Amino acid sequence: MLSSVIRSKTAIEINIQIMRAFVELRRLVHGYDELSQKIKQLELDTNMQFNEIYQALTELASQKEKDQKPVNPVGYLSYD
């Protein structure tokens, strides 16, 4: 845009640098989108793994409760 108003070699070079800067910004923004998607996928995978661990721990806890038998007390009974 600047080079169309001011017809000099410096104006053309500055215009080219400005366009390169915008291209670089667009590339960086795309990189952040890609990174954001990877982080979301990692969150989903991690949540699924934690869910599986939670289910396994719940099953172990319920099995432990089932396996516990009432224990007869050992010792003397005192009648007060």
PDB file of N, CA and C in Angstrom:
ATOM      1  N   MET A   1       0.821  -1.179   0.000  1.00  0.00           N
ATOM      2  CA  MET A   1       0.000   0.000   0.000  1.00  0.00           C
ATOM      3  C   MET A   1       0.874   1.255   0.000  1.00  0.00           C
ATOM      4  N   LEU A   2       1.891   1.213   0.819  1.00  0.00           N
ATOM      5  CA  LEU A   2       2.800   2.351   0.890  1.00  0.00           C
ATOM      6  C   LEU A   2       3.526   2.536  -0.432  1.00  0.00           C
ATOM      7  N   SER A   3       3.879   1.423  -1.073  1.00  0.00           N
ATOM      8  CA  SER A   3       4.633   1.521  -2.327  1.00  0.00           C
ATOM      9  C   SER A   3       3.779   2.043  -3.473  1.00  0.00           C
ATOM     10  N   SER A   4       2.459   1.919  -3.360  1.00  0.00           N
ATOM     11  CA  SER A   4       1.609   2.472  -4.422  1.00  0.00           C
ATOM     12  C   SER A   4       1.496   3.989  -4.312  1.00  0.00           C
ATOM     13  N   VAL A   5       1.684   4.530  -3.114  1.00  0.00           N
ATOM     14  CA  VAL A   5       1.617   5.981  -2.921  1.00  0.00           C
ATOM     15  C   VAL A   5       2.986   6.611  -3.136  1.00  0.00           C
ATOM     16  N   ILE A   6       3.968   6.034  -2.482  1.00  0.00           N
ATOM     17  CA  ILE A   6       5.345   6.542  -2.594  1.00  0.00           C
ATOM     18  C   ILE A   6       6.113   5.567  -3.474  1.00  0.00           C
ATOM     19  N   ARG A   7       6.519   6.011  -4.624  1.00  0.00           N
ATOM     20  CA  ARG A   7       7.166   5.103  -5.566  1.00  0.00           C
ATOM     21  C   ARG A   7       8.688   5.177  -5.399  1.00  0.00           C
ATOM     22  N   SER A   8       9.130   4.528  -4.326  1.00  0.00           N
ATOM     23  CA  SER A   8      10.578   4.461  -4.129  1.00  0.00           C
ATOM     24  C   SER A   8      10.951   3.042  -3.764  1.00  0.00           C
ATOM     25  N   LYS A   9      12.209   2.730  -3.928  1.00  0.00           N
ATOM     26  CA  LYS A   9      12.697   1.388  -3.628  1.00  0.00           C
ATOM     27  C   LYS A   9      12.529   1.082  -2.135  1.00  0.00           C
ATOM     28  N   THR A  10      12.761   2.049  -1.271  1.00  0.00           N
ATOM     29  CA  THR A  10      12.612   1.861   0.178  1.00  0.00           C
ATOM     30  C   THR A  10      11.159   1.555   0.537  1.00  0.00           C
ATOM     31  N   ALA A  11      10.214   2.261  -0.066  1.00  0.00           N
ATOM     32  CA  ALA A  11       8.799   2.025   0.200  1.00  0.00           C
ATOM     33  C   ALA A  11       8.399   0.623  -0.232  1.00  0.00           C
ATOM     34  N   ILE A  12       8.914   0.162  -1.344  1.00  0.00           N
ATOM     35  CA  ILE A  12       8.613  -1.196  -1.828  1.00  0.00           C
ATOM     36  C   ILE A  12       9.178  -2.226  -0.864  1.00  0.00           C
ATOM     37  N   GLU A  13      10.408  -2.025  -0.400  1.00  0.00           N
ATOM     38  CA  GLU A  13      11.032  -2.970   0.539  1.00  0.00           C
ATOM     39  C   GLU A  13      10.273  -3.007   1.865  1.00  0.00           C
ATOM     40  N   ILE A  14       9.847  -1.849   2.353  1.00  0.00           N
ATOM     41  CA  ILE A  14       9.080  -1.798   3.606  1.00  0.00           C
ATOM     42  C   ILE A  14       7.744  -2.515   3.433  1.00  0.00           C
ATOM     43  N   ASN A  15       7.104  -2.313   2.294  1.00  0.00           N
ATOM     44  CA  ASN A  15       5.836  -2.988   2.014  1.00  0.00           C
ATOM     45  C   ASN A  15       6.019  -4.503   2.003  1.00  0.00           C
ATOM     46  N   ILE A  16       7.094  -4.973   1.403  1.00  0.00           N
ATOM     47  CA  ILE A  16       7.381  -6.412   1.376  1.00  0.00           C
ATOM     48  C   ILE A  16       7.599  -6.935   2.793  1.00  0.00           C
ATOM     49  N   GLN A  17       8.330  -6.193   3.620  1.00  0.00           N
ATOM     50  CA  GLN A  17       8.574  -6.611   5.003  1.00  0.00           C
ATOM     51  C   GLN A  17       7.271  -6.660   5.807  1.00  0.00           C
ATOM     52  N   ILE A  18       6.395  -5.701   5.550  1.00  0.00           N
ATOM     53  CA  ILE A  18       5.101  -5.700   6.238  1.00  0.00           C
ATOM     54  C   ILE A  18       4.305  -6.944   5.861  1.00  0.00           C
ATOM     55  N   MET A  19       4.280  -7.289   4.590  1.00  0.00           N
ATOM     56  CA  MET A  19       3.556  -8.483   4.143  1.00  0.00           C
ATOM     57  C   MET A  19       4.168  -9.744   4.754  1.00  0.00           C
ATOM     58  N   ARG A  20       5.481  -9.803   4.818  1.00  0.00           N
ATOM     59  CA  ARG A  20       6.150 -10.957   5.438  1.00  0.00           C
ATOM     60  C   ARG A  20       5.792 -11.062   6.925  1.00  0.00           C
ATOM     61  N   ALA A  21       5.686  -9.921   7.588  1.00  0.00           N
ATOM     62  CA  ALA A  21       5.308  -9.923   9.004  1.00  0.00           C
ATOM     63  C   ALA A  21       3.900 -10.474   9.187  1.00  0.00           C
ATOM     64  N   PHE A  22       2.970 -10.064   8.307  1.00  0.00           N
ATOM     65  CA  PHE A  22       1.608 -10.576   8.400  1.00  0.00           C
ATOM     66  C   PHE A  22       1.556 -12.084   8.117  1.00  0.00           C
ATOM     67  N   VAL A  23       2.336 -12.533   7.170  1.00  0.00           N
ATOM     68  CA  VAL A  23       2.383 -13.973   6.879  1.00  0.00           C
ATOM     69  C   VAL A  23       2.911 -14.732   8.092  1.00  0.00           C
ATOM     70  N   GLU A  24       3.946 -14.194   8.724  1.00  0.00           N
ATOM     71  CA  GLU A  24       4.517 -14.837   9.914  1.00  0.00           C
ATOM     72  C   GLU A  24       3.508 -14.860  11.060  1.00  0.00           C
ATOM     73  N   LEU A  25       2.779 -13.765  11.245  1.00  0.00           N
ATOM     74  CA  LEU A  25       1.741 -13.735  12.279  1.00  0.00           C
ATOM     75  C   LEU A  25       0.662 -14.788  12.017  1.00  0.00           C
ATOM     76  N   ARG A  26       0.258 -14.917  10.760  1.00  0.00           N
ATOM     77  CA  ARG A  26      -0.745 -15.922  10.410  1.00  0.00           C
ATOM     78  C   ARG A  26      -0.228 -17.328  10.705  1.00  0.00           C
ATOM     79  N   ARG A  27       1.047 -17.566  10.406  1.00  0.00           N
ATOM     80  CA  ARG A  27       1.647 -18.877  10.679  1.00  0.00           C
ATOM     81  C   ARG A  27       1.688 -19.152  12.176  1.00  0.00           C
ATOM     82  N   LEU A  28       2.016 -18.137  12.968  1.00  0.00           N
ATOM     83  CA  LEU A  28       2.055 -18.313  14.417  1.00  0.00           C
ATOM     84  C   LEU A  28       0.670 -18.587  14.990  1.00  0.00           C
ATOM     85  N   VAL A  29      -0.328 -17.877  14.502  1.00  0.00           N
ATOM     86  CA  VAL A  29      -1.695 -18.099  14.974  1.00  0.00           C
ATOM     87  C   VAL A  29      -2.135 -19.518  14.642  1.00  0.00           C
ATOM     88  N   HIS A  30      -1.808 -19.990  13.472  1.00  0.00           N
ATOM     89  CA  HIS A  30      -2.138 -21.365  13.093  1.00  0.00           C
ATOM     90  C   HIS A  30      -1.427 -22.343  14.018  1.00  0.00           C
ATOM     91  N   GLY A  31      -0.202 -22.048  14.381  1.00  0.00           N
ATOM     92  CA  GLY A  31       0.548 -22.902  15.307  1.00  0.00           C
ATOM     93  C   GLY A  31      -0.119 -22.969  16.668  1.00  0.00           C
ATOM     94  N   TYR A  32      -0.680 -21.842  17.143  1.00  0.00           N
ATOM     95  CA  TYR A  32      -1.368 -21.844  18.418  1.00  0.00           C
ATOM     96  C   TYR A  32      -2.652 -22.659  18.351  1.00  0.00           C
ATOM     97  N   ASP A  33      -3.345 -22.595  17.227  1.00  0.00           N
ATOM     98  CA  ASP A  33      -4.551 -23.406  17.059  1.00  0.00           C
ATOM     99  C   ASP A  33      -4.203 -24.885  17.120  1.00  0.00           C
ATOM    100  N   GLU A  34      -3.131 -25.257  16.452  1.00  0.00           N
ATOM    101  CA  GLU A  34      -2.697 -26.650  16.448  1.00  0.00           C
ATOM    102  C   GLU A  34      -2.300 -27.083  17.859  1.00  0.00           C
ATOM    103  N   LEU A  35      -1.583 -26.224  18.564  1.00  0.00           N
ATOM    104  CA  LEU A  35      -1.181 -26.524  19.939  1.00  0.00           C
ATOM    105  C   LEU A  35      -2.402 -26.649  20.840  1.00  0.00           C
ATOM    106  N   SER A  36      -3.369 -25.785  20.652  1.00  0.00           N
ATOM    107  CA  SER A  36      -4.595 -25.830  21.446  1.00  0.00           C
ATOM    108  C   SER A  36      -5.336 -27.144  21.224  1.00  0.00           C
ATOM    109  N   GLN A  37      -5.409 -27.592  19.986  1.00  0.00           N
ATOM    110  CA  GLN A  37      -6.064 -28.862  19.682  1.00  0.00           C
ATOM    111  C   GLN A  37      -5.320 -30.031  20.325  1.00  0.00           C
ATOM    112  N   LYS A  38      -3.994 -29.986  20.297  1.00  0.00           N
ATOM    113  CA  LYS A  38      -3.203 -31.057  20.920  1.00  0.00           C
ATOM    114  C   LYS A  38      -3.414 -31.089  22.429  1.00  0.00           C
ATOM    115  N   ILE A  39      -3.506 -29.915  23.051  1.00  0.00           N
ATOM    116  CA  ILE A  39      -3.735 -29.855  24.492  1.00  0.00           C
ATOM    117  C   ILE A  39      -5.124 -30.408  24.832  1.00  0.00           C
ATOM    118  N   LYS A  40      -6.131 -30.061  24.032  1.00  0.00           N
ATOM    119  CA  LYS A  40      -7.482 -30.580  24.271  1.00  0.00           C
ATOM    120  C   LYS A  40      -7.510 -32.098  24.134  1.00  0.00           C
ATOM    121  N   GLN A  41      -6.799 -32.632  23.140  1.00  0.00           N
ATOM    122  CA  GLN A  41      -6.756 -34.085  22.960  1.00  0.00           C
ATOM    123  C   GLN A  41      -6.045 -34.741  24.139  1.00  0.00           C
ATOM    124  N   LEU A  42      -4.978 -34.120  24.615  1.00  0.00           N
ATOM    125  CA  LEU A  42      -4.261 -34.648  25.774  1.00  0.00           C
ATOM    126  C   LEU A  42      -5.152 -34.641  27.012  1.00  0.00           C
ATOM    127  N   GLU A  43      -5.946 -33.584  27.196  1.00  0.00           N
ATOM    128  CA  GLU A  43      -6.883 -33.522  28.317  1.00  0.00           C
ATOM    129  C   GLU A  43      -7.899 -34.656  28.236  1.00  0.00           C
ATOM    130  N   LEU A  44      -8.427 -34.897  27.053  1.00  0.00           N
ATOM    131  CA  LEU A  44      -9.406 -35.976  26.896  1.00  0.00           C
ATOM    132  C   LEU A  44      -8.783 -37.332  27.216  1.00  0.00           C
ATOM    133  N   ASP A  45      -7.583 -37.578  26.681  1.00  0.00           N
ATOM    134  CA  ASP A  45      -6.912 -38.849  26.943  1.00  0.00           C
ATOM    135  C   ASP A  45      -6.627 -39.030  28.425  1.00  0.00           C
ATOM    136  N   THR A  46      -6.163 -37.963  29.069  1.00  0.00           N
ATOM    137  CA  THR A  46      -5.836 -38.040  30.485  1.00  0.00           C
ATOM    138  C   THR A  46      -7.094 -38.265  31.318  1.00  0.00           C
ATOM    139  N   ASN A  47      -8.172 -37.577  30.973  1.00  0.00           N
ATOM    140  CA  ASN A  47      -9.429 -37.772  31.709  1.00  0.00           C
ATOM    141  C   ASN A  47      -9.936 -39.196  31.567  1.00  0.00           C
ATOM    142  N   MET A  48      -9.794 -39.765  30.388  1.00  0.00           N
ATOM    143  CA  MET A  48     -10.217 -41.141  30.183  1.00  0.00           C
ATOM    144  C   MET A  48      -9.369 -42.100  31.025  1.00  0.00           C
ATOM    145  N   GLN A  49      -8.067 -41.845  31.092  1.00  0.00           N
ATOM    146  CA  GLN A  49      -7.193 -42.698  31.892  1.00  0.00           C
ATOM    147  C   GLN A  49      -7.536 -42.586  33.380  1.00  0.00           C
ATOM    148  N   PHE A  50      -7.780 -41.362  33.857  1.00  0.00           N
ATOM    149  CA  PHE A  50      -8.158 -41.193  35.255  1.00  0.00           C
ATOM    150  C   PHE A  50      -9.497 -41.858  35.549  1.00  0.00           C
ATOM    151  N   ASN A  51     -10.401 -41.824  34.592  1.00  0.00           N
ATOM    152  CA  ASN A  51     -11.694 -42.474  34.763  1.00  0.00           C
ATOM    153  C   ASN A  51     -11.502 -43.984  34.913  1.00  0.00           C
ATOM    154  N   GLU A  52     -10.641 -44.561  34.098  1.00  0.00           N
ATOM    155  CA  GLU A  52     -10.362 -46.000  34.191  1.00  0.00           C
ATOM    156  C   GLU A  52      -9.728 -46.346  35.538  1.00  0.00           C
ATOM    157  N   ILE A  53      -8.808 -45.518  36.005  1.00  0.00           N
ATOM    158  CA  ILE A  53      -8.167 -45.750  37.304  1.00  0.00           C
ATOM    159  C   ILE A  53      -9.202 -45.651  38.422  1.00  0.00           C
ATOM    160  N   TYR A  54     -10.071 -44.656  38.343  1.00  0.00           N
ATOM    161  CA  TYR A  54     -11.115 -44.488  39.356  1.00  0.00           C
ATOM    162  C   TYR A  54     -12.036 -45.709  39.395  1.00  0.00           C
ATOM    163  N   GLN A  55     -12.413 -46.211  38.234  1.00  0.00           N
ATOM    164  CA  GLN A  55     -13.272 -47.392  38.185  1.00  0.00           C
ATOM    165  C   GLN A  55     -12.568 -48.603  38.788  1.00  0.00           C
ATOM    166  N   ALA A  56     -11.281 -48.772  38.479  1.00  0.00           N
ATOM    167  CA  ALA A  56     -10.533 -49.903  39.028  1.00  0.00           C
ATOM    168  C   ALA A  56     -10.433 -49.798  40.543  1.00  0.00           C
ATOM    169  N   LEU A  57     -10.178 -48.603  41.057  1.00  0.00           N
ATOM    170  CA  LEU A  57     -10.094 -48.422  42.510  1.00  0.00           C
ATOM    171  C   LEU A  57     -11.447 -48.666  43.177  1.00  0.00           C
ATOM    172  N   THR A  58     -12.509 -48.246  42.531  1.00  0.00           N
ATOM    173  CA  THR A  58     -13.849 -48.482  43.077  1.00  0.00           C
ATOM    174  C   THR A  58     -14.149 -49.973  43.139  1.00  0.00           C
ATOM    175  N   GLU A  59     -13.782 -50.699  42.102  1.00  0.00           N
ATOM    176  CA  GLU A  59     -13.986 -52.148  42.098  1.00  0.00           C
ATOM    177  C   GLU A  59     -13.160 -52.817  43.191  1.00  0.00           C
ATOM    178  N   LEU A  60     -11.914 -52.397  43.354  1.00  0.00           N
ATOM    179  CA  LEU A  60     -11.073 -52.972  44.409  1.00  0.00           C
ATOM    180  C   LEU A  60     -11.642 -52.686  45.787  1.00  0.00           C
ATOM    181  N   ALA A  61     -12.149 -51.479  45.988  1.00  0.00           N
ATOM    182  CA  ALA A  61     -12.728 -51.124  47.281  1.00  0.00           C
ATOM    183  C   ALA A  61     -13.974 -51.955  47.559  1.00  0.00           C
ATOM    184  N   SER A  62     -14.804 -52.167  46.548  1.00  0.00           N
ATOM    185  CA  SER A  62     -16.017 -52.957  46.754  1.00  0.00           C
ATOM    186  C   SER A  62     -15.665 -54.425  46.992  1.00  0.00           C
ATOM    187  N   GLN A  63     -14.634 -54.938  46.337  1.00  0.00           N
ATOM    188  CA  GLN A  63     -14.201 -56.317  46.580  1.00  0.00           C
ATOM    189  C   GLN A  63     -13.655 -56.461  47.994  1.00  0.00           C
ATOM    190  N   LYS A  64     -12.931 -55.466  48.463  1.00  0.00           N
ATOM    191  CA  LYS A  64     -12.379 -55.511  49.811  1.00  0.00           C
ATOM    192  C   LYS A  64     -13.495 -55.544  50.839  1.00  0.00           C
ATOM    193  N   GLU A  65     -14.557 -54.773  50.610  1.00  0.00           N
ATOM    194  CA  GLU A  65     -15.690 -54.778  51.532  1.00  0.00           C
ATOM    195  C   GLU A  65     -16.380 -56.133  51.530  1.00  0.00           C
ATOM    196  N   LYS A  66     -16.469 -56.764  50.375  1.00  0.00           N
ATOM    197  CA  LYS A  66     -17.106 -58.078  50.285  1.00  0.00           C
ATOM    198  C   LYS A  66     -16.250 -59.145  50.951  1.00  0.00           C
ATOM    199  N   ASP A  67     -14.935 -59.026  50.825  1.00  0.00           N
ATOM    200  CA  ASP A  67     -14.029 -60.031  51.366  1.00  0.00           C
ATOM    201  C   ASP A  67     -13.884 -59.950  52.880  1.00  0.00           C
ATOM    202  N   GLN A  68     -14.185 -58.816  53.471  1.00  0.00           N
ATOM    203  CA  GLN A  68     -14.048 -58.680  54.915  1.00  0.00           C
ATOM    204  C   GLN A  68     -15.166 -59.449  55.607  1.00  0.00           C
ATOM    205  N   LYS A  69     -14.754 -60.357  56.469  1.00  0.00           N
ATOM    206  CA  LYS A  69     -15.718 -61.149  57.226  1.00  0.00           C
ATOM    207  C   LYS A  69     -15.762 -60.589  58.644  1.00  0.00           C
ATOM    208  N   PRO A  70     -16.871 -60.732  59.294  1.00  0.00           N
ATOM    209  CA  PRO A  70     -16.908 -60.262  60.685  1.00  0.00           C
ATOM    210  C   PRO A  70     -15.947 -61.089  61.539  1.00  0.00           C
ATOM    211  N   VAL A  71     -15.192 -60.405  62.353  1.00  0.00           N
ATOM    212  CA  VAL A  71     -14.196 -61.054  63.187  1.00  0.00           C
ATOM    213  C   VAL A  71     -14.738 -61.162  64.608  1.00  0.00           C
ATOM    214  N   ASN A  72     -14.590 -62.349  65.178  1.00  0.00           N
ATOM    215  CA  ASN A  72     -15.003 -62.533  66.568  1.00  0.00           C
ATOM    216  C   ASN A  72     -14.001 -61.839  67.469  1.00  0.00           C
ATOM    217  N   PRO A  73     -14.461 -61.120  68.471  1.00  0.00           N
ATOM    218  CA  PRO A  73     -13.530 -60.449  69.361  1.00  0.00           C
ATOM    219  C   PRO A  73     -12.709 -61.446  70.169  1.00  0.00           C
ATOM    220  N   VAL A  74     -11.486 -61.083  70.452  1.00  0.00           N
ATOM    221  CA  VAL A  74     -10.584 -61.923  71.231  1.00  0.00           C
ATOM    222  C   VAL A  74     -10.433 -61.271  72.606  1.00  0.00           C
ATOM    223  N   GLY A  75     -10.479 -62.072  73.644  1.00  0.00           N
ATOM    224  CA  GLY A  75     -10.269 -61.533  74.980  1.00  0.00           C
ATOM    225  C   GLY A  75     -11.429 -61.842  75.891  1.00  0.00           C
ATOM    226  N   TYR A  76     -11.448 -61.200  77.041  1.00  0.00           N
ATOM    227  CA  TYR A  76     -12.465 -61.410  78.049  1.00  0.00           C
ATOM    228  C   TYR A  76     -13.557 -60.375  77.905  1.00  0.00           C
ATOM    229  N   LEU A  77     -14.743 -60.800  78.210  1.00  0.00           N
ATOM    230  CA  LEU A  77     -15.859 -59.883  78.244  1.00  0.00           C
ATOM    231  C   LEU A  77     -16.028 -59.395  79.661  1.00  0.00           C
ATOM    232  N   SER A  78     -16.178 -58.130  79.833  1.00  0.00           N
ATOM    233  CA  SER A  78     -16.406 -57.625  81.177  1.00  0.00           C
ATOM    234  C   SER A  78     -17.837 -57.146  81.282  1.00  0.00           C
ATOM    235  N   TYR A  79     -18.481 -57.569  82.304  1.00  0.00           N
ATOM    236  CA  TYR A  79     -19.859 -57.141  82.528  1.00  0.00           C
ATOM    237  C   TYR A  79     -19.850 -56.116  83.636  1.00  0.00           C
ATOM    238  N   ASP A  80     -20.090 -54.902  83.332  1.00  0.00           N
ATOM    239  CA  ASP A  80     -20.087 -53.849  84.350  1.00  0.00           C
ATOM    240  C   ASP A  80     -21.427 -53.623  84.923  1.00  0.00           C
TER     241      ASP A  80
END
